[in-house]
Amino acid sequence: MPRAKKDAKKATIYLSNEVINKLEEYCEETGLSKTVAVERFISKCIDDLQQEKKRKN
């Protein structure tokens, strides 16, 4: 049975080899897919920046 399609948009990006290597190593260690890992990283980063901005105001 096929998986349900994710509500998402495609984002094509170029990352340095150093960053890709770190990401691949992290994904191997955690068992996460690169997509899930990047989604979590970006979401956490944005959340942290928004929290920091609220604290400064």
C-alpha atoms as a PDB file:
ATOM      1  CA  MET A   1       0.000   0.000   0.000  1.00  0.00           C
ATOM      2  CA  PRO A   2       1.550   3.360  -1.019  1.00  0.00           C
ATOM      3  CA  ARG A   3       2.251   6.066   1.526  1.00  0.00           C
ATOM      4  CA  ALA A   4       0.010   9.111   1.672  1.00  0.00           C
ATOM      5  CA  LYS A   5       1.441  12.135  -0.120  1.00  0.00           C
ATOM      6  CA  LYS A   6       2.914  14.783   2.118  1.00  0.00           C
ATOM      7  CA  ASP A   7       1.562  18.318   1.906  1.00  0.00           C
ATOM      8  CA  ALA A   8       4.820  19.923   0.783  1.00  0.00           C
ATOM      9  CA  LYS A   9       6.632  22.030  -1.780  1.00  0.00           C
ATOM     10  CA  LYS A  10       9.866  21.084  -3.478  1.00  0.00           C
ATOM     11  CA  ALA A  11      13.002  23.003  -2.466  1.00  0.00           C
ATOM     12  CA  THR A  12      16.173  22.411  -4.429  1.00  0.00           C
ATOM     13  CA  ILE A  13      19.273  23.698  -2.644  1.00  0.00           C
ATOM     14  CA  TYR A  14      23.017  23.373  -2.963  1.00  0.00           C
ATOM     15  CA  LEU A  15      24.968  22.712   0.221  1.00  0.00           C
ATOM     16  CA  SER A  16      28.712  22.580   0.725  1.00  0.00           C
ATOM     17  CA  ASN A  17      30.265  19.135   0.850  1.00  0.00           C
ATOM     18  CA  GLU A  18      31.148  19.756   4.506  1.00  0.00           C
ATOM     19  CA  VAL A  19      27.501  20.388   5.429  1.00  0.00           C
ATOM     20  CA  ILE A  20      26.212  17.456   3.359  1.00  0.00           C
ATOM     21  CA  ASN A  21      28.754  15.130   4.981  1.00  0.00           C
ATOM     22  CA  LYS A  22      27.657  16.262   8.457  1.00  0.00           C
ATOM     23  CA  LEU A  23      24.005  15.811   7.505  1.00  0.00           C
ATOM     24  CA  GLU A  24      24.591  12.325   6.095  1.00  0.00           C
ATOM     25  CA  GLU A  25      26.550  11.308   9.195  1.00  0.00           C
ATOM     26  CA  TYR A  26      23.798  12.633  11.465  1.00  0.00           C
ATOM     27  CA  CYS A  27      21.141  10.779   9.463  1.00  0.00           C
ATOM     28  CA  GLU A  28      23.100   7.521   9.619  1.00  0.00           C
ATOM     29  CA  GLU A  29      23.456   7.878  13.400  1.00  0.00           C
ATOM     30  CA  THR A  30      19.801   8.758  14.024  1.00  0.00           C
ATOM     31  CA  GLY A  31      18.085   6.759  11.306  1.00  0.00           C
ATOM     32  CA  LEU A  32      16.281   9.882  10.094  1.00  0.00           C
ATOM     33  CA  SER A  33      15.876  10.674   6.432  1.00  0.00           C
ATOM     34  CA  LYS A  34      17.647  13.792   5.181  1.00  0.00           C
ATOM     35  CA  THR A  35      14.260  15.377   4.506  1.00  0.00           C
ATOM     36  CA  VAL A  36      13.038  14.878   8.072  1.00  0.00           C
ATOM     37  CA  ALA A  37      16.354  16.016   9.558  1.00  0.00           C
ATOM     38  CA  VAL A  38      16.455  19.206   7.471  1.00  0.00           C
ATOM     39  CA  GLU A  39      12.785  19.964   8.198  1.00  0.00           C
ATOM     40  CA  ARG A  40      13.448  19.660  11.932  1.00  0.00           C
ATOM     41  CA  PHE A  41      16.632  21.749  11.789  1.00  0.00           C
ATOM     42  CA  ILE A  42      14.996  24.561   9.843  1.00  0.00           C
ATOM     43  CA  SER A  43      11.871  24.555  11.983  1.00  0.00           C
ATOM     44  CA  LYS A  44      13.901  24.657  15.221  1.00  0.00           C
ATOM     45  CA  CYS A  45      16.160  27.404  13.916  1.00  0.00           C
ATOM     46  CA  ILE A  46      13.215  29.595  12.894  1.00  0.00           C
ATOM     47  CA  ASP A  47      11.446  28.944  16.210  1.00  0.00           C
ATOM     48  CA  ASP A  48      14.606  29.863  18.151  1.00  0.00           C
ATOM     49  CA  LEU A  49      15.103  33.066  16.147  1.00  0.00           C
ATOM     50  CA  GLN A  50      11.484  34.082  16.701  1.00  0.00           C
ATOM     51  CA  GLN A  51      11.781  33.414  20.445  1.00  0.00           C
ATOM     52  CA  GLU A  52      14.957  35.483  20.598  1.00  0.00           C
ATOM     53  CA  LYS A  53      13.290  38.327  18.732  1.00  0.00           C
ATOM     54  CA  LYS A  54      10.332  38.278  21.176  1.00  0.00           C
ATOM     55  CA  ARG A  55      12.712  38.421  24.163  1.00  0.00           C
ATOM     56  CA  LYS A  56      14.487  41.461  22.744  1.00  0.00           C
ATOM     57  CA  ASN A  57      11.225  43.387  22.308  1.00  0.00           C
END
